[in-house]
Amino acid sequence: MFYKKKFNNNVSMVTDELKNDWIVIGKGIGFNKTVGEPIAADEIDRRFMAEPSKEFSYIINTIFSIDAEIISVINEMIKQAEKFLHVSFNESSYITIVDHINFALKRTNEGIDYSVPLQWEIKKMHAQEYQAALLSLQFLKQKTGISLPETEEAFITLHYVNAQGNKNKLKEAEKIDRTIREITQFITTEYAVTFEEDSAHYMRFVTHLRYFVIRQLHNEAIGTEEAEEIDEDMLQLVKTKYSQAYQIALSVIEKARKEYGWLPSLAEILYLSIHIKRNIRLGE
């Protein structure tokens, strides 16, 4: 690569041996360079081929709408996340993350925050990406002095999941997220109840739902040891003592049968009943 034009200290245009132009990002990559000067590979963190396309227009508009120092900080943040996750984000995902973080910083300065559905579930379902997001938020605070709101934990986590490009993993994760949301919304709507989403019981409930959904998607039964503990006496106890919770669980199972074609076991129904009881005051 050979230096061609400086946009700012961290963004330049270079050309390769085939005379293709590239936009490159790297800390100090445009500082004190002369036209035609070789650019070492280890100076370049990201590169984007300069060719007419909607995607390249988006890349250019994004890069040049952001302060050079912020670009540098976000770039370092993403490198840290990639190292933590042992992955390399593709160009499109990289720019999407840069764009998101830039607007998140602006929103925070303006006092604007956004809620995230199932933020707890996102943390549990994508634990590695969530830890990477926490590191990114700490890094941003250290470098910019801005503490982004907690909702950004979930937003950045999802960006890191998406950026890895594992379509099968992402597709299943999205289906699990959506199904959990549908089940919880079904319960709150049909039975006029509100979950205490910050409670330990709710967290356990959602964790149970996650594994419930995963088992159904993979056509797996609940653990043999747990299933063997289910007997007629336990069934009768749950039906009698937790009758309303049991009826709600049956409604959820019927919804699963009709909408997803699932046929959960008796053990699934009983454990779901217990988790529902722990989360909802049903006057029993």
Protein backbone atom coordinates (compact mmCIF):
# COMPACT_ATOMS: atom_id res chain seq x y z
CA MET A 1 0.00 0.00 0.00
CA PHE A 2 1.16 3.54 -0.79
CA TYR A 3 0.00 6.77 0.81
CA LYS A 4 -2.17 8.93 -1.45
CA LYS A 5 -4.26 11.37 0.57
CA LYS A 6 -4.86 12.35 4.17
CA PHE A 7 -8.38 12.90 5.51
CA ASN A 8 -7.27 13.22 9.11
CA ASN A 9 -4.55 11.72 11.29
CA ASN A 10 -6.42 8.43 11.60
CA VAL A 11 -8.05 8.09 8.16
CA SER A 12 -6.28 8.20 4.78
CA MET A 13 -6.60 7.08 1.18
CA VAL A 14 -3.97 4.69 -0.13
CA THR A 15 -3.43 2.78 -3.34
CA ASP A 16 -2.27 -0.80 -3.84
CA GLU A 17 0.05 -2.34 -6.43
CA LEU A 18 -2.90 -2.75 -8.82
CA LYS A 19 -3.77 0.97 -8.52
CA ASN A 20 -6.90 0.28 -6.51
CA ASP A 21 -7.79 3.00 -4.04
CA TRP A 22 -8.60 2.17 -0.42
CA ILE A 23 -9.81 4.11 2.58
CA VAL A 24 -7.78 2.95 5.58
CA ILE A 25 -8.14 3.52 9.31
CA GLY A 26 -5.27 3.31 11.77
CA LYS A 27 -3.95 5.33 14.68
CA GLY A 28 -1.80 8.16 13.24
CA ILE A 29 -1.87 6.62 9.76
CA GLY A 30 -2.20 10.02 8.07
CA PHE A 31 0.30 11.85 10.24
CA ASN A 32 3.30 13.41 8.48
CA LYS A 33 3.05 11.16 5.38
CA THR A 34 4.07 12.11 1.85
CA VAL A 35 2.41 10.97 -1.41
CA GLY A 36 3.77 7.60 -2.57
CA GLU A 37 5.21 6.69 0.84
CA PRO A 38 4.78 2.98 1.65
CA ILE A 39 2.24 2.09 4.32
CA ALA A 40 3.13 -0.94 6.42
CA ALA A 41 0.42 -3.55 6.93
CA ASP A 42 0.62 -3.24 10.71
CA GLU A 43 -0.31 0.46 10.43
CA ILE A 44 -3.71 -0.44 8.94
CA ASP A 45 -6.51 -1.55 11.25
CA ARG A 46 -9.33 -1.39 8.69
CA ARG A 47 -9.47 -0.91 4.97
CA PHE A 48 -12.36 -0.34 2.58
CA MET A 49 -12.01 -0.49 -1.19
CA ALA A 50 -12.99 2.82 -2.75
CA GLU A 51 -15.52 1.72 -5.34
CA PRO A 52 -18.89 3.21 -6.29
CA SER A 53 -21.63 1.47 -4.31
CA LYS A 54 -24.32 2.23 -1.78
CA GLU A 55 -22.34 0.39 0.88
CA PHE A 56 -19.20 2.41 0.23
CA SER A 57 -21.21 5.63 0.28
CA TYR A 58 -22.52 4.63 3.71
CA ILE A 59 -18.99 3.82 4.88
CA ILE A 60 -17.62 7.16 3.67
CA ASN A 61 -20.52 9.18 5.08
CA THR A 62 -20.18 7.44 8.42
CA ILE A 63 -16.41 7.83 8.70
CA PHE A 64 -16.36 11.48 7.74
CA SER A 65 -19.30 12.44 9.92
CA ILE A 66 -17.41 11.40 13.05
CA ASP A 67 -14.64 13.28 14.82
CA ALA A 68 -11.22 11.78 14.07
CA GLU A 69 -10.42 11.16 17.73
CA ILE A 70 -13.74 9.41 18.30
CA ILE A 71 -13.03 7.20 15.28
CA SER A 72 -9.69 6.30 16.85
CA VAL A 73 -11.27 5.49 20.23
CA ILE A 74 -14.03 3.34 18.71
CA ASN A 75 -11.52 1.57 16.49
CA GLU A 76 -9.41 0.65 19.53
CA MET A 77 -12.57 -0.46 21.35
CA ILE A 78 -13.52 -2.81 18.50
CA LYS A 79 -9.99 -4.24 18.31
CA GLN A 80 -10.21 -5.02 22.02
CA ALA A 81 -13.59 -6.75 21.55
CA GLU A 82 -12.29 -8.81 18.62
CA LYS A 83 -9.30 -9.94 20.67
CA PHE A 84 -11.55 -10.89 23.58
CA LEU A 85 -13.93 -12.86 21.33
CA HIS A 86 -11.17 -14.32 19.13
CA VAL A 87 -12.93 -13.12 15.97
CA SER A 88 -12.55 -10.55 13.22
CA PHE A 89 -15.61 -8.46 12.40
CA ASN A 90 -16.39 -7.92 8.73
CA GLU A 91 -16.26 -4.46 7.17
CA SER A 92 -20.01 -3.90 7.13
CA SER A 93 -20.42 -4.89 10.78
CA TYR A 94 -17.42 -2.75 11.77
CA ILE A 95 -18.96 0.38 10.28
CA THR A 96 -22.37 -0.41 11.80
CA ILE A 97 -20.77 -0.62 15.25
CA VAL A 98 -18.83 2.61 14.70
CA ASP A 99 -22.02 4.35 13.62
CA HIS A 100 -23.96 3.03 16.61
CA ILE A 101 -21.35 3.97 19.20
CA ASN A 102 -21.01 7.47 17.77
CA PHE A 103 -24.76 8.07 18.03
CA ALA A 104 -24.85 6.46 21.48
CA LEU A 105 -22.26 8.95 22.69
CA LYS A 106 -24.29 11.80 21.20
CA ARG A 107 -27.56 10.52 22.69
CA THR A 108 -25.99 10.25 26.12
CA ASN A 109 -24.70 13.82 25.96
CA GLU A 110 -28.25 14.89 25.07
CA GLY A 111 -29.73 12.88 27.96
CA ILE A 112 -31.58 10.43 25.71
CA ASP A 113 -31.88 6.74 26.61
CA TYR A 114 -33.73 3.82 25.05
CA SER A 115 -35.20 0.70 26.62
CA VAL A 116 -34.25 -2.75 25.38
CA PRO A 117 -36.75 -5.63 25.45
CA LEU A 118 -35.48 -8.69 27.33
CA GLN A 119 -32.19 -7.05 28.33
CA TRP A 120 -31.61 -9.76 30.94
CA GLU A 121 -32.20 -12.50 28.42
CA ILE A 122 -29.69 -10.98 26.04
CA LYS A 123 -27.06 -11.02 28.78
CA LYS A 124 -27.70 -14.65 29.58
CA MET A 125 -27.97 -15.91 26.02
CA HIS A 126 -24.83 -14.21 24.72
CA ALA A 127 -22.56 -14.29 27.77
CA GLN A 128 -19.23 -13.89 25.93
CA GLU A 129 -20.45 -11.04 23.75
CA TYR A 130 -22.00 -9.41 26.83
CA GLN A 131 -18.66 -9.50 28.66
CA ALA A 132 -17.03 -7.96 25.58
CA ALA A 133 -19.68 -5.23 25.62
CA LEU A 134 -18.91 -4.45 29.27
CA LEU A 135 -15.22 -4.13 28.42
CA SER A 136 -16.13 -1.79 25.56
CA LEU A 137 -18.24 0.43 27.80
CA GLN A 138 -15.42 0.63 30.36
CA PHE A 139 -12.96 1.50 27.60
CA LEU A 140 -15.22 4.23 26.21
CA LYS A 141 -15.66 5.76 29.67
CA GLN A 142 -11.92 5.73 30.22
CA LYS A 143 -11.16 7.35 26.86
CA THR A 144 -14.08 9.79 26.51
CA GLY A 145 -15.27 10.36 30.07
CA ILE A 146 -18.79 9.42 28.98
CA SER A 147 -20.70 6.69 30.83
CA LEU A 148 -23.16 5.20 28.37
CA PRO A 149 -26.47 3.98 29.89
CA GLU A 150 -26.96 0.36 30.91
CA THR A 151 -29.20 -0.25 27.90
CA GLU A 152 -26.08 -0.01 25.74
CA GLU A 153 -24.87 -3.26 27.30
CA ALA A 154 -27.59 -5.09 25.38
CA PHE A 155 -27.29 -3.04 22.18
CA ILE A 156 -23.54 -3.56 21.92
CA THR A 157 -23.89 -7.24 22.84
CA LEU A 158 -26.27 -7.77 19.91
CA HIS A 159 -23.94 -5.87 17.58
CA TYR A 160 -21.09 -8.18 18.58
CA VAL A 161 -23.27 -11.23 17.98
CA ASN A 162 -24.30 -9.93 14.56
CA ALA A 163 -20.76 -8.94 13.61
CA GLN A 164 -19.43 -12.47 13.90
CA GLY A 165 -21.40 -13.46 10.83
CA ASN A 166 -22.47 -16.86 12.16
CA LYS A 167 -25.84 -16.87 10.43
CA ASN A 168 -27.04 -20.14 11.92
CA LYS A 169 -26.12 -19.07 15.44
CA LEU A 170 -27.67 -15.66 14.93
CA LYS A 171 -30.85 -17.09 13.40
CA GLU A 172 -31.35 -19.45 16.33
CA ALA A 173 -30.54 -16.75 18.87
CA GLU A 174 -33.09 -14.42 17.28
CA LYS A 175 -35.70 -17.19 17.33
CA ILE A 176 -35.03 -17.92 21.00
CA ASP A 177 -35.23 -14.19 21.88
CA ARG A 178 -38.47 -13.82 19.94
CA THR A 179 -40.07 -16.92 21.45
CA ILE A 180 -39.23 -15.90 25.02
CA ARG A 181 -40.70 -12.48 24.32
CA GLU A 182 -43.85 -14.03 22.89
CA ILE A 183 -44.31 -16.33 25.88
CA THR A 184 -43.79 -13.61 28.49
CA GLN A 185 -46.06 -11.22 26.60
CA PHE A 186 -48.70 -13.95 26.30
CA ILE A 187 -48.69 -14.48 30.07
CA THR A 188 -48.81 -10.76 30.93
CA THR A 189 -51.55 -10.07 28.38
CA GLU A 190 -53.77 -13.09 28.94
CA TYR A 191 -53.56 -13.03 32.72
CA ALA A 192 -53.07 -9.29 33.38
CA VAL A 193 -49.90 -9.77 35.42
CA THR A 194 -46.62 -7.89 35.59
CA PHE A 195 -43.26 -9.53 36.08
CA GLU A 196 -40.72 -7.96 38.43
CA GLU A 197 -37.94 -8.05 35.87
CA ASP A 198 -35.19 -7.12 38.31
CA SER A 199 -36.00 -9.95 40.70
CA ALA A 200 -33.96 -13.12 41.08
CA HIS A 201 -37.08 -15.21 40.49
CA TYR A 202 -37.67 -13.55 37.12
CA MET A 203 -34.06 -14.08 36.10
CA ARG A 204 -34.36 -17.77 36.94
CA PHE A 205 -37.69 -17.92 35.08
CA VAL A 206 -36.20 -16.47 31.91
CA THR A 207 -33.18 -18.75 32.18
CA HIS A 208 -35.57 -21.70 32.48
CA LEU A 209 -37.53 -20.44 29.45
CA ARG A 210 -34.34 -20.13 27.45
CA TYR A 211 -33.37 -23.75 28.05
CA PHE A 212 -36.98 -24.82 27.56
CA VAL A 213 -36.99 -23.20 24.10
CA ILE A 214 -33.57 -24.62 23.23
CA ARG A 215 -34.71 -28.12 24.20
CA GLN A 216 -37.80 -27.81 22.00
CA LEU A 217 -35.82 -26.44 19.04
CA HIS A 218 -33.39 -29.35 19.28
CA ASN A 219 -36.09 -31.90 20.12
CA GLU A 220 -34.44 -32.75 23.42
CA ALA A 221 -36.09 -33.91 26.61
CA ILE A 222 -35.55 -32.35 30.01
CA GLY A 223 -32.70 -33.97 31.93
CA THR A 224 -33.28 -37.64 32.78
CA GLU A 225 -32.63 -37.10 36.47
CA GLU A 226 -35.19 -34.29 36.70
CA ALA A 227 -37.74 -36.25 34.66
CA GLU A 228 -37.41 -39.28 36.90
CA GLU A 229 -38.32 -37.15 39.92
CA ILE A 230 -41.73 -36.47 38.45
CA ASP A 231 -44.36 -38.81 39.85
CA GLU A 232 -48.11 -38.77 40.37
CA ASP A 233 -47.82 -37.32 43.87
CA MET A 234 -45.76 -34.36 42.63
CA LEU A 235 -48.15 -33.83 39.74
CA GLN A 236 -51.12 -33.77 42.09
CA LEU A 237 -49.31 -31.42 44.49
CA VAL A 238 -48.61 -28.89 41.76
CA LYS A 239 -52.12 -29.14 40.34
CA THR A 240 -53.65 -28.60 43.78
CA LYS A 241 -51.31 -26.16 45.49
CA TYR A 242 -50.36 -24.12 42.41
CA SER A 243 -53.56 -24.57 40.43
CA GLN A 244 -53.58 -21.14 38.76
CA ALA A 245 -49.89 -21.31 37.88
CA TYR A 246 -50.46 -24.80 36.52
CA GLN A 247 -53.31 -23.56 34.33
CA ILE A 248 -51.13 -20.74 33.01
CA ALA A 249 -48.40 -23.26 32.24
CA LEU A 250 -50.91 -25.43 30.38
CA SER A 251 -51.95 -22.38 28.34
CA VAL A 252 -48.32 -21.70 27.44
CA ILE A 253 -47.83 -25.32 26.44
CA GLU A 254 -50.97 -25.21 24.29
CA LYS A 255 -49.69 -22.04 22.62
CA ALA A 256 -46.38 -23.81 21.96
CA ARG A 257 -48.22 -26.77 20.46
CA LYS A 258 -50.38 -24.66 18.15
CA GLU A 259 -47.84 -22.07 17.06
CA TYR A 260 -44.54 -23.96 17.12
CA GLY A 261 -45.62 -27.60 16.86
CA TRP A 262 -43.89 -28.48 20.13
CA LEU A 263 -45.04 -31.29 22.44
CA PRO A 264 -43.32 -30.61 25.79
CA SER A 265 -43.21 -33.35 28.39
CA LEU A 266 -45.04 -33.47 31.71
CA ALA A 267 -41.78 -32.54 33.43
CA GLU A 268 -41.59 -29.34 31.37
CA ILE A 269 -45.16 -28.41 32.40
CA LEU A 270 -44.48 -28.96 36.08
CA TYR A 271 -41.23 -26.99 36.18
CA LEU A 272 -42.79 -24.19 34.18
CA SER A 273 -45.69 -24.09 36.68
CA ILE A 274 -43.28 -23.74 39.60
CA HIS A 275 -41.37 -20.89 37.93
CA ILE A 276 -44.61 -19.08 37.09
CA LYS A 277 -45.82 -19.42 40.69
CA ARG A 278 -42.58 -17.92 42.00
CA ASN A 279 -43.01 -14.88 39.75
CA ILE A 280 -46.70 -14.12 40.04
CA ARG A 281 -48.87 -13.47 43.07
CA LEU A 282 -51.94 -15.51 42.28
CA GLY A 283 -53.66 -15.46 45.63
CA GLU A 284 -53.17 -19.16 46.25
